[in-house]
Amino acid sequence: MHIIVEGLVQGVGYRWYAAQRAQALGLRGFVRNLYDGTVEVQASGDRSMLEDLIRELKVGPRSARVTNLKIEWGVQGNKPDSHFEIQ
């Protein structure tokens, strides 16, 4: 799954928040800031766990304001190891 998170999501602990939630769900992938002020999340794992992550990403940490998630399912990307990393 590939997600672009829009809103006030950089400089507010959003990447750490996303990585912690994904790790707790047992997902693999990465999260990183993009040059345009959005955050990119790529995650793989069980569909129900991915859907749980989406619910968490819509909220974000207290200091974030998420305005939109652009979600693509079935995106093939790098196959990360058995962890979720912040880039």
Protein backbone atom coordinates (compact mmCIF):
# COMPACT_ATOMS: atom_id res chain seq x y z
CA MET A 1 0.00 0.00 0.00
CA HIS A 2 1.25 3.48 -0.82
CA ILE A 3 -0.09 6.58 0.96
CA ILE A 4 0.55 10.29 0.62
CA VAL A 5 -0.50 12.17 3.75
CA GLU A 6 -1.43 15.82 3.30
CA GLY A 7 -1.84 18.57 5.87
CA LEU A 8 0.36 19.81 8.69
CA VAL A 9 2.41 16.61 8.89
CA GLN A 10 6.06 17.67 8.82
CA GLY A 11 7.89 18.91 11.89
CA VAL A 12 5.21 17.54 14.24
CA GLY A 13 6.42 13.98 14.92
CA TYR A 14 4.24 12.43 12.24
CA ARG A 15 6.91 10.08 10.82
CA TRP A 16 7.73 8.74 14.27
CA TYR A 17 4.00 8.32 15.01
CA ALA A 18 3.39 6.46 11.73
CA ALA A 19 6.40 4.19 12.22
CA GLN A 20 5.39 3.32 15.80
CA ARG A 21 1.83 2.46 14.73
CA ALA A 22 3.02 0.38 11.76
CA GLN A 23 5.55 -1.52 13.89
CA ALA A 24 2.90 -2.25 16.52
CA LEU A 25 0.71 -3.74 13.77
CA GLY A 26 3.58 -5.90 12.48
CA LEU A 27 3.80 -4.14 9.12
CA ARG A 28 6.88 -3.67 6.96
CA GLY A 29 7.77 -0.57 4.99
CA PHE A 30 8.89 3.01 5.43
CA VAL A 31 7.75 6.55 6.07
CA ARG A 32 9.49 9.70 4.82
CA ASN A 33 8.97 13.41 4.28
CA LEU A 34 8.57 14.64 0.72
CA TYR A 35 9.77 17.99 -0.64
CA ASP A 36 6.21 19.32 -1.05
CA GLY A 37 5.36 19.11 2.67
CA THR A 38 3.55 15.78 2.50
CA VAL A 39 4.55 12.48 4.09
CA GLU A 40 4.89 9.26 2.10
CA VAL A 41 4.09 5.89 3.67
CA GLN A 42 4.68 2.54 1.99
CA ALA A 43 3.49 -0.47 3.97
CA SER A 44 2.95 -4.16 3.41
CA GLY A 45 1.28 -6.81 5.50
CA ASP A 46 -2.14 -8.22 6.30
CA ARG A 47 -4.98 -6.18 4.75
CA SER A 48 -6.83 -5.76 8.04
CA MET A 49 -3.66 -4.42 9.68
CA LEU A 50 -3.15 -2.03 6.78
CA GLU A 51 -6.70 -0.77 7.23
CA ASP A 52 -5.97 -0.25 10.94
CA LEU A 53 -2.89 1.78 9.98
CA ILE A 54 -5.00 3.94 7.66
CA ARG A 55 -7.33 4.76 10.56
CA GLU A 56 -4.33 5.74 12.70
CA LEU A 57 -2.75 7.83 9.93
CA LYS A 58 -5.97 9.83 9.49
CA VAL A 59 -5.62 11.01 13.09
CA GLY A 60 -1.84 11.42 13.46
CA PRO A 61 -0.12 12.78 16.56
CA ARG A 62 -1.77 15.54 18.57
CA SER A 63 0.21 18.36 16.89
CA ALA A 64 -0.56 17.20 13.33
CA ARG A 65 -3.53 18.16 11.19
CA VAL A 66 -4.21 15.58 8.50
CA THR A 67 -6.37 16.94 5.68
CA ASN A 68 -6.22 14.07 3.17
CA LEU A 69 -4.81 10.62 2.50
CA LYS A 70 -4.15 9.50 -1.07
CA ILE A 71 -4.15 5.70 -0.94
CA GLU A 72 -3.05 3.24 -3.62
CA TRP A 73 -3.48 -0.48 -2.97
CA GLY A 74 -1.34 -3.20 -4.48
CA VAL A 75 1.65 -0.97 -5.18
CA GLN A 76 4.87 -2.95 -5.59
CA GLY A 77 7.91 -1.30 -4.16
CA ASN A 78 11.07 -2.20 -2.34
CA LYS A 79 10.64 -5.26 -0.17
CA PRO A 80 11.80 -4.08 3.24
CA ASP A 81 13.11 -6.39 5.92
CA SER A 82 10.88 -7.39 8.79
CA HIS A 83 10.60 -3.87 10.17
CA PHE A 84 9.21 -0.43 9.48
CA GLU A 85 11.72 2.38 9.08
CA ILE A 86 11.81 6.15 9.10
CA GLN A 87 13.72 7.59 6.16
